[in-house]
PDB file of N, CA and C in Angstrom:
ATOM      1  N   MET A   1     -12.586 -58.796 -48.805  1.00  0.00           N
ATOM      2  CA  MET A   1     -12.602 -57.887 -47.673  1.00  0.00           C
ATOM      3  C   MET A   1     -13.414 -58.537 -46.557  1.00  0.00           C
ATOM      4  N   LEU A   2     -12.948 -58.351 -45.353  1.00  0.00           N
ATOM      5  CA  LEU A   2     -13.649 -58.859 -44.173  1.00  0.00           C
ATOM      6  C   LEU A   2     -14.918 -58.065 -43.906  1.00  0.00           C
ATOM      7  N   GLY A   3     -15.852 -58.682 -43.224  1.00  0.00           N
ATOM      8  CA  GLY A   3     -16.996 -57.968 -42.687  1.00  0.00           C
ATOM      9  C   GLY A   3     -16.630 -57.435 -41.307  1.00  0.00           C
ATOM     10  N   GLU A   4     -17.492 -56.572 -40.775  1.00  0.00           N
ATOM     11  CA  GLU A   4     -17.218 -55.959 -39.464  1.00  0.00           C
ATOM     12  C   GLU A   4     -17.043 -57.007 -38.364  1.00  0.00           C
ATOM     13  N   PHE A   5     -17.964 -57.963 -38.266  1.00  0.00           N
ATOM     14  CA  PHE A   5     -17.867 -58.954 -37.196  1.00  0.00           C
ATOM     15  C   PHE A   5     -16.647 -59.844 -37.376  1.00  0.00           C
ATOM     16  N   GLU A   6     -16.311 -60.179 -38.614  1.00  0.00           N
ATOM     17  CA  GLU A   6     -15.105 -60.971 -38.867  1.00  0.00           C
ATOM     18  C   GLU A   6     -13.867 -60.224 -38.376  1.00  0.00           C
ATOM     19  N   TYR A   7     -13.812 -58.928 -38.669  1.00  0.00           N
ATOM     20  CA  TYR A   7     -12.685 -58.109 -38.206  1.00  0.00           C
ATOM     21  C   TYR A   7     -12.630 -58.088 -36.678  1.00  0.00           C
ATOM     22  N   LEU A   8     -13.774 -57.871 -36.046  1.00  0.00           N
ATOM     23  CA  LEU A   8     -13.819 -57.846 -34.584  1.00  0.00           C
ATOM     24  C   LEU A   8     -13.343 -59.172 -34.008  1.00  0.00           C
ATOM     25  N   LEU A   9     -13.772 -60.280 -34.595  1.00  0.00           N
ATOM     26  CA  LEU A   9     -13.390 -61.592 -34.098  1.00  0.00           C
ATOM     27  C   LEU A   9     -11.894 -61.829 -34.255  1.00  0.00           C
ATOM     28  N   ILE A  10     -11.338 -61.496 -35.408  1.00  0.00           N
ATOM     29  CA  ILE A  10      -9.895 -61.670 -35.621  1.00  0.00           C
ATOM     30  C   ILE A  10      -9.111 -60.803 -34.642  1.00  0.00           C
ATOM     31  N   THR A  11      -9.536 -59.564 -34.467  1.00  0.00           N
ATOM     32  CA  THR A  11      -8.837 -58.653 -33.567  1.00  0.00           C
ATOM     33  C   THR A  11      -8.931 -59.137 -32.121  1.00  0.00           C
ATOM     34  N   ALA A  12     -10.108 -59.585 -31.703  1.00  0.00           N
ATOM     35  CA  ALA A  12     -10.280 -60.101 -30.342  1.00  0.00           C
ATOM     36  C   ALA A  12      -9.463 -61.371 -30.130  1.00  0.00           C
ATOM     37  N   THR A  13      -9.320 -62.175 -31.161  1.00  0.00           N
ATOM     38  CA  THR A  13      -8.520 -63.395 -31.077  1.00  0.00           C
ATOM     39  C   THR A  13      -7.050 -63.061 -30.908  1.00  0.00           C
ATOM     40  N   ALA A  14      -6.587 -62.030 -31.597  1.00  0.00           N
ATOM     41  CA  ALA A  14      -5.174 -61.660 -31.535  1.00  0.00           C
ATOM     42  C   ALA A  14      -4.809 -61.004 -30.212  1.00  0.00           C
ATOM     43  N   SER A  15      -5.764 -60.414 -29.523  1.00  0.00           N
ATOM     44  CA  SER A  15      -5.475 -59.684 -28.283  1.00  0.00           C
ATOM     45  C   SER A  15      -4.853 -60.545 -27.190  1.00  0.00           C
ATOM     46  N   PRO A  16      -5.426 -61.716 -26.848  1.00  0.00           N
ATOM     47  CA  PRO A  16      -4.819 -62.500 -25.773  1.00  0.00           C
ATOM     48  C   PRO A  16      -3.663 -63.391 -26.225  1.00  0.00           C
ATOM     49  N   GLY A  17      -3.288 -63.345 -27.491  1.00  0.00           N
ATOM     50  CA  GLY A  17      -2.178 -64.170 -27.980  1.00  0.00           C
ATOM     51  C   GLY A  17      -2.620 -65.592 -28.240  1.00  0.00           C
ATOM     52  N   ASP A  18      -1.782 -66.566 -27.862  1.00  0.00           N
ATOM     53  CA  ASP A  18      -2.051 -67.972 -28.155  1.00  0.00           C
ATOM     54  C   ASP A  18      -3.094 -68.598 -27.233  1.00  0.00           C
ATOM     55  N   GLU A  19      -3.597 -67.862 -26.287  1.00  0.00           N
ATOM     56  CA  GLU A  19      -4.555 -68.404 -25.332  1.00  0.00           C
ATOM     57  C   GLU A  19      -5.998 -68.068 -25.685  1.00  0.00           C
ATOM     58  N   ALA A  20      -6.293 -67.741 -26.913  1.00  0.00           N
ATOM     59  CA  ALA A  20      -7.652 -67.367 -27.314  1.00  0.00           C
ATOM     60  C   ALA A  20      -8.532 -68.614 -27.419  1.00  0.00           C
ATOM     61  N   TYR A  21      -9.732 -68.506 -26.896  1.00  0.00           N
ATOM     62  CA  TYR A  21     -10.744 -69.550 -27.026  1.00  0.00           C
ATOM     63  C   TYR A  21     -12.096 -68.851 -27.014  1.00  0.00           C
ATOM     64  N   GLY A  22     -13.139 -69.574 -27.378  1.00  0.00           N
ATOM     65  CA  GLY A  22     -14.451 -68.988 -27.615  1.00  0.00           C
ATOM     66  C   GLY A  22     -14.951 -68.020 -26.569  1.00  0.00           C
ATOM     67  N   ALA A  23     -14.978 -68.437 -25.305  1.00  0.00           N
ATOM     68  CA  ALA A  23     -15.534 -67.573 -24.257  1.00  0.00           C
ATOM     69  C   ALA A  23     -14.714 -66.294 -24.083  1.00  0.00           C
ATOM     70  N   ALA A  24     -13.397 -66.385 -24.154  1.00  0.00           N
ATOM     71  CA  ALA A  24     -12.539 -65.198 -24.009  1.00  0.00           C
ATOM     72  C   ALA A  24     -12.714 -64.249 -25.196  1.00  0.00           C
ATOM     73  N   ILE A  25     -12.830 -64.797 -26.396  1.00  0.00           N
ATOM     74  CA  ILE A  25     -13.032 -63.981 -27.598  1.00  0.00           C
ATOM     75  C   ILE A  25     -14.381 -63.263 -27.503  1.00  0.00           C
ATOM     76  N   ARG A  26     -15.406 -64.010 -27.117  1.00  0.00           N
ATOM     77  CA  ARG A  26     -16.755 -63.442 -26.968  1.00  0.00           C
ATOM     78  C   ARG A  26     -16.756 -62.314 -25.942  1.00  0.00           C
ATOM     79  N   GLU A  27     -16.116 -62.529 -24.819  1.00  0.00           N
ATOM     80  CA  GLU A  27     -16.044 -61.514 -23.766  1.00  0.00           C
ATOM     81  C   GLU A  27     -15.333 -60.254 -24.263  1.00  0.00           C
ATOM     82  N   GLU A  28     -14.248 -60.425 -25.006  1.00  0.00           N
ATOM     83  CA  GLU A  28     -13.490 -59.292 -25.560  1.00  0.00           C
ATOM     84  C   GLU A  28     -14.348 -58.483 -26.529  1.00  0.00           C
ATOM     85  N   ILE A  29     -15.076 -59.165 -27.401  1.00  0.00           N
ATOM     86  CA  ILE A  29     -15.953 -58.480 -28.362  1.00  0.00           C
ATOM     87  C   ILE A  29     -17.041 -57.706 -27.617  1.00  0.00           C
ATOM     88  N   GLN A  30     -17.698 -58.364 -26.672  1.00  0.00           N
ATOM     89  CA  GLN A  30     -18.790 -57.719 -25.939  1.00  0.00           C
ATOM     90  C   GLN A  30     -18.296 -56.534 -25.119  1.00  0.00           C
ATOM     91  N   LYS A  31     -17.148 -56.661 -24.486  1.00  0.00           N
ATOM     92  CA  LYS A  31     -16.587 -55.586 -23.669  1.00  0.00           C
ATOM     93  C   LYS A  31     -16.258 -54.359 -24.517  1.00  0.00           C
ATOM     94  N   ASN A  32     -15.693 -54.584 -25.683  1.00  0.00           N
ATOM     95  CA  ASN A  32     -15.228 -53.463 -26.498  1.00  0.00           C
ATOM     96  C   ASN A  32     -16.273 -52.878 -27.427  1.00  0.00           C
ATOM     97  N   THR A  33     -17.314 -53.638 -27.745  1.00  0.00           N
ATOM     98  CA  THR A  33     -18.358 -53.106 -28.628  1.00  0.00           C
ATOM     99  C   THR A  33     -19.616 -52.733 -27.854  1.00  0.00           C
ATOM    100  N   ARG A  34     -19.720 -53.209 -26.629  1.00  0.00           N
ATOM    101  CA  ARG A  34     -20.922 -53.030 -25.798  1.00  0.00           C
ATOM    102  C   ARG A  34     -22.166 -53.611 -26.483  1.00  0.00           C
ATOM    103  N   ARG A  35     -21.955 -54.675 -27.258  1.00  0.00           N
ATOM    104  CA  ARG A  35     -23.045 -55.386 -27.927  1.00  0.00           C
ATOM    105  C   ARG A  35     -22.961 -56.863 -27.540  1.00  0.00           C
ATOM    106  N   SER A  36     -24.106 -57.528 -27.526  1.00  0.00           N
ATOM    107  CA  SER A  36     -24.093 -58.952 -27.217  1.00  0.00           C
ATOM    108  C   SER A  36     -23.584 -59.734 -28.429  1.00  0.00           C
ATOM    109  N   CYS A  37     -23.041 -60.887 -28.141  1.00  0.00           N
ATOM    110  CA  CYS A  37     -22.486 -61.753 -29.179  1.00  0.00           C
ATOM    111  C   CYS A  37     -22.903 -63.175 -28.842  1.00  0.00           C
ATOM    112  N   SER A  38     -23.726 -63.777 -29.672  1.00  0.00           N
ATOM    113  CA  SER A  38     -24.166 -65.144 -29.384  1.00  0.00           C
ATOM    114  C   SER A  38     -23.020 -66.116 -29.652  1.00  0.00           C
ATOM    115  N   ILE A  39     -22.981 -67.163 -28.866  1.00  0.00           N
ATOM    116  CA  ILE A  39     -21.933 -68.168 -29.034  1.00  0.00           C
ATOM    117  C   ILE A  39     -22.069 -68.861 -30.388  1.00  0.00           C
ATOM    118  N   GLY A  40     -23.323 -68.990 -30.879  1.00  0.00           N
ATOM    119  CA  GLY A  40     -23.546 -69.594 -32.194  1.00  0.00           C
ATOM    120  C   GLY A  40     -22.953 -68.758 -33.318  1.00  0.00           C
ATOM    121  N   ALA A  41     -23.184 -67.444 -33.265  1.00  0.00           N
ATOM    122  CA  ALA A  41     -22.612 -66.545 -34.277  1.00  0.00           C
ATOM    123  C   ALA A  41     -21.089 -66.567 -34.208  1.00  0.00           C
ATOM    124  N   LEU A  42     -20.562 -66.634 -33.004  1.00  0.00           N
ATOM    125  CA  LEU A  42     -19.114 -66.659 -32.824  1.00  0.00           C
ATOM    126  C   LEU A  42     -18.500 -67.889 -33.490  1.00  0.00           C
ATOM    127  N   TYR A  43     -19.035 -69.073 -33.158  1.00  0.00           N
ATOM    128  CA  TYR A  43     -18.439 -70.295 -33.705  1.00  0.00           C
ATOM    129  C   TYR A  43     -18.731 -70.485 -35.194  1.00  0.00           C
ATOM    130  N   THR A  44     -19.858 -69.996 -35.687  1.00  0.00           N
ATOM    131  CA  THR A  44     -20.122 -70.036 -37.124  1.00  0.00           C
ATOM    132  C   THR A  44     -19.078 -69.198 -37.862  1.00  0.00           C
ATOM    133  N   THR A  45     -18.762 -68.024 -37.304  1.00  0.00           N
ATOM    134  CA  THR A  45     -17.776 -67.138 -37.926  1.00  0.00           C
ATOM    135  C   THR A  45     -16.375 -67.720 -37.799  1.00  0.00           C
ATOM    136  N   ILE A  46     -16.056 -68.315 -36.657  1.00  0.00           N
ATOM    137  CA  ILE A  46     -14.750 -68.978 -36.509  1.00  0.00           C
ATOM    138  C   ILE A  46     -14.598 -70.055 -37.574  1.00  0.00           C
ATOM    139  N   ASP A  47     -15.626 -70.878 -37.760  1.00  0.00           N
ATOM    140  CA  ASP A  47     -15.566 -71.939 -38.782  1.00  0.00           C
ATOM    141  C   ASP A  47     -15.342 -71.356 -40.168  1.00  0.00           C
ATOM    142  N   ARG A  48     -16.083 -70.299 -40.499  1.00  0.00           N
ATOM    143  CA  ARG A  48     -15.957 -69.673 -41.818  1.00  0.00           C
ATOM    144  C   ARG A  48     -14.547 -69.109 -42.021  1.00  0.00           C
ATOM    145  N   LEU A  49     -14.019 -68.421 -41.006  1.00  0.00           N
ATOM    146  CA  LEU A  49     -12.682 -67.824 -41.124  1.00  0.00           C
ATOM    147  C   LEU A  49     -11.600 -68.901 -41.182  1.00  0.00           C
ATOM    148  N   GLU A  50     -11.841 -70.015 -40.512  1.00  0.00           N
ATOM    149  CA  GLU A  50     -10.871 -71.112 -40.596  1.00  0.00           C
ATOM    150  C   GLU A  50     -10.877 -71.712 -42.005  1.00  0.00           C
ATOM    151  N   GLN A  51     -12.067 -71.857 -42.601  1.00  0.00           N
ATOM    152  CA  GLN A  51     -12.155 -72.380 -43.973  1.00  0.00           C
ATOM    153  C   GLN A  51     -11.435 -71.461 -44.961  1.00  0.00           C
ATOM    154  N   LYS A  52     -11.449 -70.154 -44.686  1.00  0.00           N
ATOM    155  CA  LYS A  52     -10.765 -69.180 -45.545  1.00  0.00           C
ATOM    156  C   LYS A  52      -9.269 -69.114 -45.270  1.00  0.00           C
ATOM    157  N   GLY A  53      -8.808 -69.820 -44.239  1.00  0.00           N
ATOM    158  CA  GLY A  53      -7.389 -69.817 -43.902  1.00  0.00           C
ATOM    159  C   GLY A  53      -6.955 -68.622 -43.063  1.00  0.00           C
ATOM    160  N   LEU A  54      -7.926 -67.908 -42.461  1.00  0.00           N
ATOM    161  CA  LEU A  54      -7.601 -66.712 -41.682  1.00  0.00           C
ATOM    162  C   LEU A  54      -7.404 -67.024 -40.201  1.00  0.00           C
ATOM    163  N   LEU A  55      -7.932 -68.170 -39.755  1.00  0.00           N
ATOM    164  CA  LEU A  55      -7.766 -68.647 -38.381  1.00  0.00           C
ATOM    165  C   LEU A  55      -7.379 -70.113 -38.420  1.00  0.00           C
ATOM    166  N   ARG A  56      -6.784 -70.566 -37.328  1.00  0.00           N
ATOM    167  CA  ARG A  56      -6.511 -71.985 -37.138  1.00  0.00           C
ATOM    168  C   ARG A  56      -7.042 -72.359 -35.757  1.00  0.00           C
ATOM    169  N   THR A  57      -7.708 -73.499 -35.651  1.00  0.00           N
ATOM    170  CA  THR A  57      -8.219 -73.944 -34.354  1.00  0.00           C
ATOM    171  C   THR A  57      -7.662 -75.323 -34.027  1.00  0.00           C
ATOM    172  N   TRP A  58      -7.637 -75.630 -32.734  1.00  0.00           N
ATOM    173  CA  TRP A  58      -7.248 -76.943 -32.246  1.00  0.00           C
ATOM    174  C   TRP A  58      -7.858 -77.121 -30.863  1.00  0.00           C
ATOM    175  N   MET A  59      -7.927 -78.352 -30.435  1.00  0.00           N
ATOM    176  CA  MET A  59      -8.482 -78.633 -29.115  1.00  0.00           C
ATOM    177  C   MET A  59      -7.355 -78.597 -28.088  1.00  0.00           C
ATOM    178  N   GLY A  60      -7.558 -77.772 -27.062  1.00  0.00           N
ATOM    179  CA  GLY A  60      -6.590 -77.671 -25.974  1.00  0.00           C
ATOM    180  C   GLY A  60      -6.798 -78.801 -24.983  1.00  0.00           C
ATOM    181  N   ALA A  61      -6.023 -78.767 -23.925  1.00  0.00           N
ATOM    182  CA  ALA A  61      -6.120 -79.792 -22.881  1.00  0.00           C
ATOM    183  C   ALA A  61      -7.435 -79.639 -22.112  1.00  0.00           C
ATOM    184  N   ALA A  62      -7.915 -80.748 -21.586  1.00  0.00           N
ATOM    185  CA  ALA A  62      -9.106 -80.727 -20.733  1.00  0.00           C
ATOM    186  C   ALA A  62      -8.768 -79.992 -19.437  1.00  0.00           C
ATOM    187  N   THR A  63      -9.733 -79.239 -18.927  1.00  0.00           N
ATOM    188  CA  THR A  63      -9.498 -78.475 -17.700  1.00  0.00           C
ATOM    189  C   THR A  63     -10.537 -78.835 -16.647  1.00  0.00           C
ATOM    190  N   PRO A  64     -10.120 -78.901 -15.376  1.00  0.00           N
ATOM    191  CA  PRO A  64     -11.072 -79.234 -14.305  1.00  0.00           C
ATOM    192  C   PRO A  64     -12.207 -78.218 -14.179  1.00  0.00           C
ATOM    193  N   GLU A  65     -11.908 -76.914 -14.397  1.00  0.00           N
ATOM    194  CA  GLU A  65     -12.950 -75.888 -14.271  1.00  0.00           C
ATOM    195  C   GLU A  65     -14.016 -75.998 -15.353  1.00  0.00           C
ATOM    196  N   ARG A  66     -13.734 -76.755 -16.401  1.00  0.00           N
ATOM    197  CA  ARG A  66     -14.725 -76.986 -17.457  1.00  0.00           C
ATOM    198  C   ARG A  66     -15.283 -78.407 -17.360  1.00  0.00           C
ATOM    199  N   GLY A  67     -15.159 -79.018 -16.191  1.00  0.00           N
ATOM    200  CA  GLY A  67     -15.691 -80.365 -15.995  1.00  0.00           C
ATOM    201  C   GLY A  67     -14.980 -81.411 -16.836  1.00  0.00           C
ATOM    202  N   GLY A  68     -13.694 -81.187 -17.115  1.00  0.00           N
ATOM    203  CA  GLY A  68     -12.911 -82.127 -17.903  1.00  0.00           C
ATOM    204  C   GLY A  68     -13.032 -81.951 -19.405  1.00  0.00           C
ATOM    205  N   ARG A  69     -13.768 -80.946 -19.831  1.00  0.00           N
ATOM    206  CA  ARG A  69     -13.919 -80.693 -21.278  1.00  0.00           C
ATOM    207  C   ARG A  69     -12.751 -79.861 -21.783  1.00  0.00           C
ATOM    208  N   SER A  70     -12.429 -80.023 -23.047  1.00  0.00           N
ATOM    209  CA  SER A  70     -11.368 -79.264 -23.700  1.00  0.00           C
ATOM    210  C   SER A  70     -11.893 -77.942 -24.227  1.00  0.00           C
ATOM    211  N   LYS A  71     -10.998 -76.968 -24.343  1.00  0.00           N
ATOM    212  CA  LYS A  71     -11.320 -75.695 -24.987  1.00  0.00           C
ATOM    213  C   LYS A  71     -10.912 -75.782 -26.456  1.00  0.00           C
ATOM    214  N   ARG A  72     -11.698 -75.147 -27.307  1.00  0.00           N
ATOM    215  CA  ARG A  72     -11.311 -75.013 -28.715  1.00  0.00           C
ATOM    216  C   ARG A  72     -10.482 -73.737 -28.814  1.00  0.00           C
ATOM    217  N   MET A  73      -9.200 -73.911 -29.008  1.00  0.00           N
ATOM    218  CA  MET A  73      -8.271 -72.793 -29.058  1.00  0.00           C
ATOM    219  C   MET A  73      -8.257 -72.211 -30.476  1.00  0.00           C
ATOM    220  N   VAL A  74      -7.985 -70.908 -30.568  1.00  0.00           N
ATOM    221  CA  VAL A  74      -8.036 -70.204 -31.858  1.00  0.00           C
ATOM    222  C   VAL A  74      -6.789 -69.335 -31.995  1.00  0.00           C
ATOM    223  N   ARG A  75      -6.205 -69.343 -33.166  1.00  0.00           N
ATOM    224  CA  ARG A  75      -5.047 -68.506 -33.463  1.00  0.00           C
ATOM    225  C   ARG A  75      -5.238 -67.859 -34.839  1.00  0.00           C
ATOM    226  N   VAL A  76      -4.849 -66.606 -34.965  1.00  0.00           N
ATOM    227  CA  VAL A  76      -4.908 -65.889 -36.241  1.00  0.00           C
ATOM    228  C   VAL A  76      -3.707 -66.314 -37.083  1.00  0.00           C
ATOM    229  N   THR A  77      -3.941 -66.622 -38.345  1.00  0.00           N
ATOM    230  CA  THR A  77      -2.855 -66.968 -39.269  1.00  0.00           C
ATOM    231  C   THR A  77      -2.263 -65.691 -39.866  1.00  0.00           C
ATOM    232  N   SER A  78      -1.153 -65.821 -40.563  1.00  0.00           N
ATOM    233  CA  SER A  78      -0.553 -64.652 -41.221  1.00  0.00           C
ATOM    234  C   SER A  78      -1.506 -64.080 -42.270  1.00  0.00           C
ATOM    235  N   LYS A  79      -2.256 -64.948 -42.934  1.00  0.00           N
ATOM    236  CA  LYS A  79      -3.270 -64.495 -43.895  1.00  0.00           C
ATOM    237  C   LYS A  79      -4.371 -63.705 -43.179  1.00  0.00           C
ATOM    238  N   GLY A  80      -4.738 -64.118 -41.976  1.00  0.00           N
ATOM    239  CA  GLY A  80      -5.733 -63.410 -41.175  1.00  0.00           C
ATOM    240  C   GLY A  80      -5.228 -62.045 -40.721  1.00  0.00           C
ATOM    241  N   VAL A  81      -3.965 -61.978 -40.340  1.00  0.00           N
ATOM    242  CA  VAL A  81      -3.362 -60.693 -39.955  1.00  0.00           C
ATOM    243  C   VAL A  81      -3.403 -59.729 -41.134  1.00  0.00           C
ATOM    244  N   ALA A  82      -3.037 -60.209 -42.321  1.00  0.00           N
ATOM    245  CA  ALA A  82      -3.043 -59.359 -43.515  1.00  0.00           C
ATOM    246  C   ALA A  82      -4.456 -58.861 -43.828  1.00  0.00           C
ATOM    247  N   ALA A  83      -5.457 -59.740 -43.715  1.00  0.00           N
ATOM    248  CA  ALA A  83      -6.842 -59.346 -43.991  1.00  0.00           C
ATOM    249  C   ALA A  83      -7.320 -58.304 -42.975  1.00  0.00           C
ATOM    250  N   ALA A  84      -6.975 -58.479 -41.703  1.00  0.00           N
ATOM    251  CA  ALA A  84      -7.369 -57.514 -40.669  1.00  0.00           C
ATOM    252  C   ALA A  84      -6.695 -56.165 -40.899  1.00  0.00           C
ATOM    253  N   LYS A  85      -5.430 -56.182 -41.271  1.00  0.00           N
ATOM    254  CA  LYS A  85      -4.723 -54.927 -41.565  1.00  0.00           C
ATOM    255  C   LYS A  85      -5.365 -54.210 -42.745  1.00  0.00           C
ATOM    256  N   ASP A  86      -5.717 -54.950 -43.796  1.00  0.00           N
ATOM    257  CA  ASP A  86      -6.367 -54.355 -44.971  1.00  0.00           C
ATOM    258  C   ASP A  86      -7.693 -53.707 -44.580  1.00  0.00           C
ATOM    259  N   PHE A  87      -8.492 -54.401 -43.764  1.00  0.00           N
ATOM    260  CA  PHE A  87      -9.778 -53.864 -43.315  1.00  0.00           C
ATOM    261  C   PHE A  87      -9.557 -52.587 -42.509  1.00  0.00           C
ATOM    262  N   TYR A  88      -8.646 -52.627 -41.560  1.00  0.00           N
ATOM    263  CA  TYR A  88      -8.365 -51.466 -40.705  1.00  0.00           C
ATOM    264  C   TYR A  88      -7.905 -50.271 -41.542  1.00  0.00           C
ATOM    265  N   GLN A  89      -7.017 -50.497 -42.486  1.00  0.00           N
ATOM    266  CA  GLN A  89      -6.517 -49.410 -43.335  1.00  0.00           C
ATOM    267  C   GLN A  89      -7.630 -48.824 -44.199  1.00  0.00           C
ATOM    268  N   ALA A  90      -8.516 -49.665 -44.724  1.00  0.00           N
ATOM    269  CA  ALA A  90      -9.624 -49.176 -45.543  1.00  0.00           C
ATOM    270  C   ALA A  90     -10.569 -48.315 -44.704  1.00  0.00           C
ATOM    271  N   VAL A  91     -10.899 -48.773 -43.499  1.00  0.00           N
ATOM    272  CA  VAL A  91     -11.787 -48.000 -42.623  1.00  0.00           C
ATOM    273  C   VAL A  91     -11.124 -46.685 -42.225  1.00  0.00           C
ATOM    274  N   THR A  92      -9.843 -46.722 -41.929  1.00  0.00           N
ATOM    275  CA  THR A  92      -9.113 -45.504 -41.560  1.00  0.00           C
ATOM    276  C   THR A  92      -9.100 -44.510 -42.714  1.00  0.00           C
ATOM    277  N   ARG A  93      -8.817 -44.991 -43.938  1.00  0.00           N
ATOM    278  CA  ARG A  93      -8.773 -44.096 -45.104  1.00  0.00           C
ATOM    279  C   ARG A  93     -10.125 -43.452 -45.369  1.00  0.00           C
ATOM    280  N   ILE A  94     -11.182 -44.239 -45.361  1.00  0.00           N
ATOM    281  CA  ILE A  94     -12.499 -43.695 -45.696  1.00  0.00           C
ATOM    282  C   ILE A  94     -13.029 -42.790 -44.591  1.00  0.00           C
ATOM    283  N   SER A  95     -12.570 -43.012 -43.367  1.00  0.00           N
ATOM    284  CA  SER A  95     -13.043 -42.211 -42.230  1.00  0.00           C
ATOM    285  C   SER A  95     -12.391 -40.836 -42.153  1.00  0.00           C
ATOM    286  N   GLN A  96     -11.268 -40.655 -42.804  1.00  0.00           N
ATOM    287  CA  GLN A  96     -10.524 -39.397 -42.668  1.00  0.00           C
ATOM    288  C   GLN A  96     -11.336 -38.168 -43.048  1.00  0.00           C
ATOM    289  N   GLY A  97     -12.240 -38.285 -43.990  1.00  0.00           N
ATOM    290  CA  GLY A  97     -13.024 -37.131 -44.413  1.00  0.00           C
ATOM    291  C   GLY A  97     -14.367 -36.993 -43.717  1.00  0.00           C
ATOM    292  N   ALA A  98     -14.687 -37.904 -42.819  1.00  0.00           N
ATOM    293  CA  ALA A  98     -15.992 -37.874 -42.158  1.00  0.00           C
ATOM    294  C   ALA A  98     -16.085 -36.693 -41.196  1.00  0.00           C
ATOM    295  N   SER A  99     -17.274 -36.104 -41.109  1.00  0.00           N
ATOM    296  CA  SER A  99     -17.465 -34.908 -40.291  1.00  0.00           C
ATOM    297  C   SER A  99     -17.132 -35.150 -38.826  1.00  0.00           C
ATOM    298  N   TRP A 100     -17.399 -36.341 -38.306  1.00  0.00           N
ATOM    299  CA  TRP A 100     -17.104 -36.602 -36.897  1.00  0.00           C
ATOM    300  C   TRP A 100     -15.612 -36.770 -36.646  1.00  0.00           C
ATOM    301  N   VAL A 101     -14.827 -36.958 -37.709  1.00  0.00           N
ATOM    302  CA  VAL A 101     -13.378 -37.050 -37.577  1.00  0.00           C
ATOM    303  C   VAL A 101     -12.741 -35.662 -37.788  1.00  0.00           C
ATOM    304  N   THR A 102     -13.237 -34.941 -38.764  1.00  0.00           N
ATOM    305  CA  THR A 102     -12.632 -33.643 -39.093  1.00  0.00           C
ATOM    306  C   THR A 102     -13.155 -32.518 -38.220  1.00  0.00           C
ATOM    307  N   GLY A 103     -14.253 -32.763 -37.520  1.00  0.00           N
ATOM    308  CA  GLY A 103     -14.833 -31.710 -36.673  1.00  0.00           C
ATOM    309  C   GLY A 103     -15.725 -30.740 -37.420  1.00  0.00           C
ATOM    310  N   ARG A 104     -16.033 -31.055 -38.687  1.00  0.00           N
ATOM    311  CA  ARG A 104     -16.944 -30.208 -39.452  1.00  0.00           C
ATOM    312  C   ARG A 104     -18.318 -30.241 -38.805  1.00  0.00           C
ATOM    313  N   ALA A 105     -18.971 -29.102 -38.825  1.00  0.00           N
ATOM    314  CA  ALA A 105     -20.327 -29.026 -38.243  1.00  0.00           C
ATOM    315  C   ALA A 105     -21.325 -29.704 -39.164  1.00  0.00           C
ATOM    316  N   GLY A 106     -22.395 -30.141 -38.592  1.00  0.00           N
ATOM    317  CA  GLY A 106     -23.503 -30.671 -39.382  1.00  0.00           C
ATOM    318  C   GLY A 106     -23.518 -32.172 -39.403  1.00  0.00           C
ATOM    319  N   GLU A 107     -24.702 -32.693 -39.575  1.00  0.00           N
ATOM    320  CA  GLU A 107     -24.910 -34.133 -39.691  1.00  0.00           C
ATOM    321  C   GLU A 107     -25.673 -34.410 -40.958  1.00  0.00           C
ATOM    322  N   VAL A 108     -25.470 -35.571 -41.491  1.00  0.00           N
ATOM    323  CA  VAL A 108     -26.217 -36.008 -42.662  1.00  0.00           C
ATOM    324  C   VAL A 108     -27.495 -36.646 -42.169  1.00  0.00           C
ATOM    325  N   SER A 109     -28.629 -36.249 -42.736  1.00  0.00           N
ATOM    326  CA  SER A 109     -29.934 -36.802 -42.303  1.00  0.00           C
ATOM    327  C   SER A 109     -30.218 -38.092 -43.006  1.00  0.00           C
TER     328      SER A 109
END
């Protein structure tokens, strides 16, 4: 099973399609979670997910706006899609009975 940040990273990678790269993925995560995301944590997780076969990376073309440096492009594999779907379904199933979903009064202390 994926961890929360792994799920967020895979989902953010899938959002822009084949044009995903570190800075865009980081921006997507930060925008949607309203939490900071260090570039080190991002690339450590990308490496781990690539080793698991859930992502694939390659070096894109050098760009003038990056001073001639290449972007490390990222794509979700079919195995990564399946893992993200499993995580989403598990969270959805377990959340169905939660008081904030059902509208039941009261909070757990």
